[in-house]
Protein backbone atom coordinates (compact mmCIF):
# COMPACT_ATOMS: atom_id res chain seq x y z
CA MET A 1 14.45 -13.67 15.25
CA SER A 2 17.32 -11.32 15.39
CA GLN A 3 16.78 -7.77 14.33
CA ILE A 4 18.87 -4.72 13.64
CA GLU A 5 17.82 -1.10 13.46
CA LEU A 6 18.21 0.59 10.06
CA PRO A 7 18.36 4.30 9.16
CA TYR A 8 14.70 5.34 8.89
CA ASP A 9 15.11 7.83 6.03
CA ASP A 10 17.12 5.37 3.92
CA LEU A 11 14.55 2.59 4.29
CA ARG A 12 11.70 5.05 3.76
CA GLN A 13 13.17 6.11 0.40
CA HIS A 14 13.86 2.50 -0.55
CA MET A 15 10.25 1.52 0.20
CA ILE A 16 8.93 4.41 -1.91
CA GLU A 17 11.06 3.24 -4.84
CA GLU A 18 9.84 -0.34 -4.34
CA MET A 19 6.20 0.80 -4.21
CA LYS A 20 6.59 2.67 -7.51
CA LYS A 21 7.42 -0.62 -9.25
CA TYR A 22 3.88 -1.90 -8.78
CA HIS A 23 0.88 -0.56 -10.65
CA LEU A 24 -1.29 -3.41 -9.43
CA GLY A 25 -1.73 -4.78 -5.94
CA PHE A 26 -4.21 -6.65 -3.79
CA LEU A 27 -6.31 -4.52 -1.44
CA ALA A 28 -7.78 -6.23 1.63
CA THR A 29 -10.72 -4.62 3.44
CA SER A 30 -12.99 -5.88 6.19
CA GLU A 31 -16.22 -5.28 8.02
CA GLY A 32 -17.26 -7.32 11.01
CA ASP A 33 -16.24 -10.93 10.41
CA PHE A 34 -15.92 -10.51 6.63
CA VAL A 35 -12.57 -9.90 4.98
CA THR A 36 -12.29 -9.50 1.22
CA VAL A 37 -9.39 -8.92 -1.13
CA ARG A 38 -9.27 -7.80 -4.73
CA GLN A 39 -6.76 -6.61 -7.28
CA MET A 40 -6.61 -2.83 -7.67
CA ARG A 41 -4.70 -0.32 -9.73
CA LEU A 42 -2.27 1.53 -7.43
CA ILE A 43 -1.27 5.15 -7.97
CA ILE A 44 1.81 5.89 -5.85
CA ASN A 45 2.77 9.39 -4.70
CA GLY A 46 5.56 9.18 -2.15
CA LEU A 47 4.11 7.21 0.74
CA THR A 48 0.53 7.95 -0.32
CA ILE A 49 -1.33 5.32 -2.32
CA TYR A 50 -4.43 6.09 -4.36
CA CYS A 51 -7.08 3.83 -5.90
CA HIS A 52 -10.57 4.51 -7.18
CA THR A 53 -13.83 2.61 -6.97
CA GLY A 54 -17.59 2.98 -7.12
CA ILE A 55 -19.72 3.85 -4.10
CA TYR A 56 -21.83 0.70 -4.60
CA ARG A 57 -18.84 -1.65 -4.33
CA ARG A 58 -18.31 -3.83 -1.28
CA LYS A 59 -14.82 -2.39 -0.65
CA TYR A 60 -16.26 1.13 -0.44
CA LYS A 61 -18.81 0.05 2.15
CA GLN A 62 -16.18 -1.90 4.10
CA ILE A 63 -13.85 1.11 4.20
CA MET A 64 -16.72 3.26 5.47
CA ALA A 65 -17.15 0.78 8.34
CA ASN A 66 -13.45 0.03 8.94
CA PRO A 67 -10.73 2.21 7.37
CA GLN A 68 -7.91 -0.21 8.26
CA VAL A 69 -6.68 -1.86 5.06
CA ALA A 70 -3.75 -3.90 3.79
CA ILE A 71 -2.12 -4.08 0.37
CA ALA A 72 0.09 -6.81 -1.03
CA ALA A 73 2.17 -5.92 -4.08
CA GLY A 74 5.14 -8.01 -5.14
CA ASN A 75 7.26 -8.60 -2.04
CA LEU A 76 5.63 -5.70 -0.15
CA GLN A 77 2.96 -5.78 2.50
CA ILE A 78 1.47 -2.43 3.44
CA GLU A 79 -0.80 -1.78 6.40
CA GLY A 80 -2.61 1.52 6.38
CA ILE A 81 -5.63 3.71 6.87
CA ALA A 82 -7.95 4.43 3.95
CA SER A 83 -9.78 7.71 3.48
CA LEU A 84 -12.70 8.01 1.09
CA LYS A 85 -12.46 11.11 -1.07
CA GLY A 86 -14.74 12.69 -3.62
CA HIS A 87 -15.17 12.01 -7.32
CA PRO A 88 -11.88 11.65 -9.25
CA LEU A 89 -12.61 14.86 -11.18
CA ASP A 90 -13.30 16.93 -8.03
CA GLU A 91 -10.78 19.68 -7.25
CA GLU A 92 -9.74 17.94 -4.00
CA ASN A 93 -8.40 15.07 -6.16
CA ALA A 94 -6.21 17.15 -8.47
CA GLU A 95 -3.04 15.55 -7.06
CA PHE A 96 -4.47 12.06 -7.64
CA ARG A 97 -5.18 12.90 -11.29
CA GLU A 98 -1.80 14.56 -11.82
CA VAL A 99 0.16 11.61 -10.42
CA TYR A 100 -2.02 9.05 -12.21
CA GLN A 101 -1.64 10.82 -15.55
CA LYS A 102 2.12 11.21 -15.10
CA THR A 103 2.90 7.67 -13.92
CA GLN A 104 0.33 5.66 -15.94
CA PRO A 105 -0.74 7.84 -18.90
CA GLU A 106 -2.38 5.11 -21.02
CA ARG A 107 -4.34 3.72 -18.11
CA TYR A 108 -5.31 7.24 -16.99
CA GLU A 109 -6.84 7.94 -20.40
CA ARG A 110 -8.85 4.71 -20.25
CA SER A 111 -10.02 5.52 -16.71
CA THR A 112 -11.06 9.00 -17.80
CA LEU A 113 -13.24 7.55 -20.53
CA MET A 114 -14.55 4.47 -18.71
CA HIS A 115 -14.70 5.33 -15.02
CA PHE A 116 -14.38 9.04 -14.33
CA ALA A 117 -17.43 9.81 -16.49
CA ARG A 118 -19.55 7.86 -13.99
CA PRO A 119 -20.93 9.90 -11.06
CA ASP A 120 -20.56 7.00 -8.57
CA GLN A 121 -16.73 6.91 -8.73
CA ARG A 122 -14.65 7.92 -5.68
CA VAL A 123 -10.97 8.14 -4.84
CA ILE A 124 -9.50 6.06 -2.03
CA GLU A 125 -6.42 7.56 -0.37
CA ILE A 126 -4.33 5.15 1.70
CA THR A 127 -1.84 6.38 4.28
CA PRO A 128 0.55 3.58 5.22
CA LYS A 129 1.31 2.90 8.88
CA LYS A 130 3.76 0.06 8.26
CA ILE A 131 5.47 -1.34 5.18
CA SER A 132 7.40 -4.58 5.13
CA SER A 133 9.51 -6.06 2.37
CA TYR A 134 10.55 -9.72 2.22
CA THR A 135 13.91 -10.82 0.82
CA PRO A 136 14.21 -14.59 0.31
CA PRO A 137 17.33 -16.53 1.28
CA ASP A 138 20.28 -16.74 -1.08
CA LEU A 139 21.34 -20.31 -0.47
CA GLU A 140 24.36 -20.15 -2.77
CA ALA A 141 25.73 -17.14 -0.91
CA GLY A 142 24.73 -18.54 2.49
CA LYS A 143 22.43 -15.59 3.25
CA GLU A 144 19.24 -16.09 5.23
CA SER A 145 15.89 -14.48 4.48
CA PHE A 146 14.81 -11.28 6.15
CA HIS A 147 12.08 -8.67 6.35
CA ASP A 148 12.75 -4.95 6.26
CA ILE A 149 10.06 -3.22 8.29
CA LEU A 150 9.31 0.50 8.08
CA ASN A 151 7.11 1.67 10.96
CA ILE A 152 5.95 5.07 9.73
CA GLU A 153 3.96 5.94 12.85
CA LYS A 154 6.98 5.44 15.11
CA GLN A 155 9.56 6.47 12.48
CA LYS A 156 11.51 3.26 13.07
CA ALA A 157 13.15 0.90 10.60
CA HIS A 158 14.33 -2.65 11.25
CA ARG A 159 15.70 -5.66 9.45
CA VAL A 160 14.42 -8.88 10.97
CA TYR A 161 16.22 -12.14 10.21
CA ARG A 162 14.39 -15.44 10.47
CA SER A 163 17.16 -17.30 12.29
CA ASP A 164 14.97 -18.69 15.08
CA ASN A 165 11.36 -18.81 16.19
CA GLU A 166 11.23 -15.77 18.48
CA GLU A 167 8.77 -13.04 17.60
CA SER A 168 10.40 -9.70 16.86
CA SER A 169 9.04 -6.53 18.42
CA ALA A 170 9.26 -4.91 14.95
CA TYR A 171 6.24 -7.00 13.92
CA LYS A 172 4.24 -6.07 16.98
CA ASP A 173 4.90 -2.31 17.01
């Protein structure tokens, strides 16, 4: 695989705009040898991703045991660390509520009535470590497929082309 370095800030902004397109994604969590995935509502605030769930749910218990999570949404794959926060109506979650209400007002109202009234609800805050975006080949234009990879921890950005079978360091870092 050949790779080129991209401007970090440009790809960071592009990834934020791409993330905002998706209100639903698939959240993968694990504990021990068990990995599960389920569709979740995503609330995007810059690079921060919020969800909410009940404390009796398997995903909540898995995050308590292992905060490393992954999200798939559209052509994005996001690897991150999940933090369990308090009830959605707690003061510490004011930003979650504000962003949710602003970006998904109809769904926010339904959540307020259906979920936030329940005392077992909690906010999940996900801090991405790496975001990758896949672009398929354009056969008519003769362009090969590639992945753009934003490594937030290392503040690096790469485009990796799939022109051969070598493993790119952008995937490993």
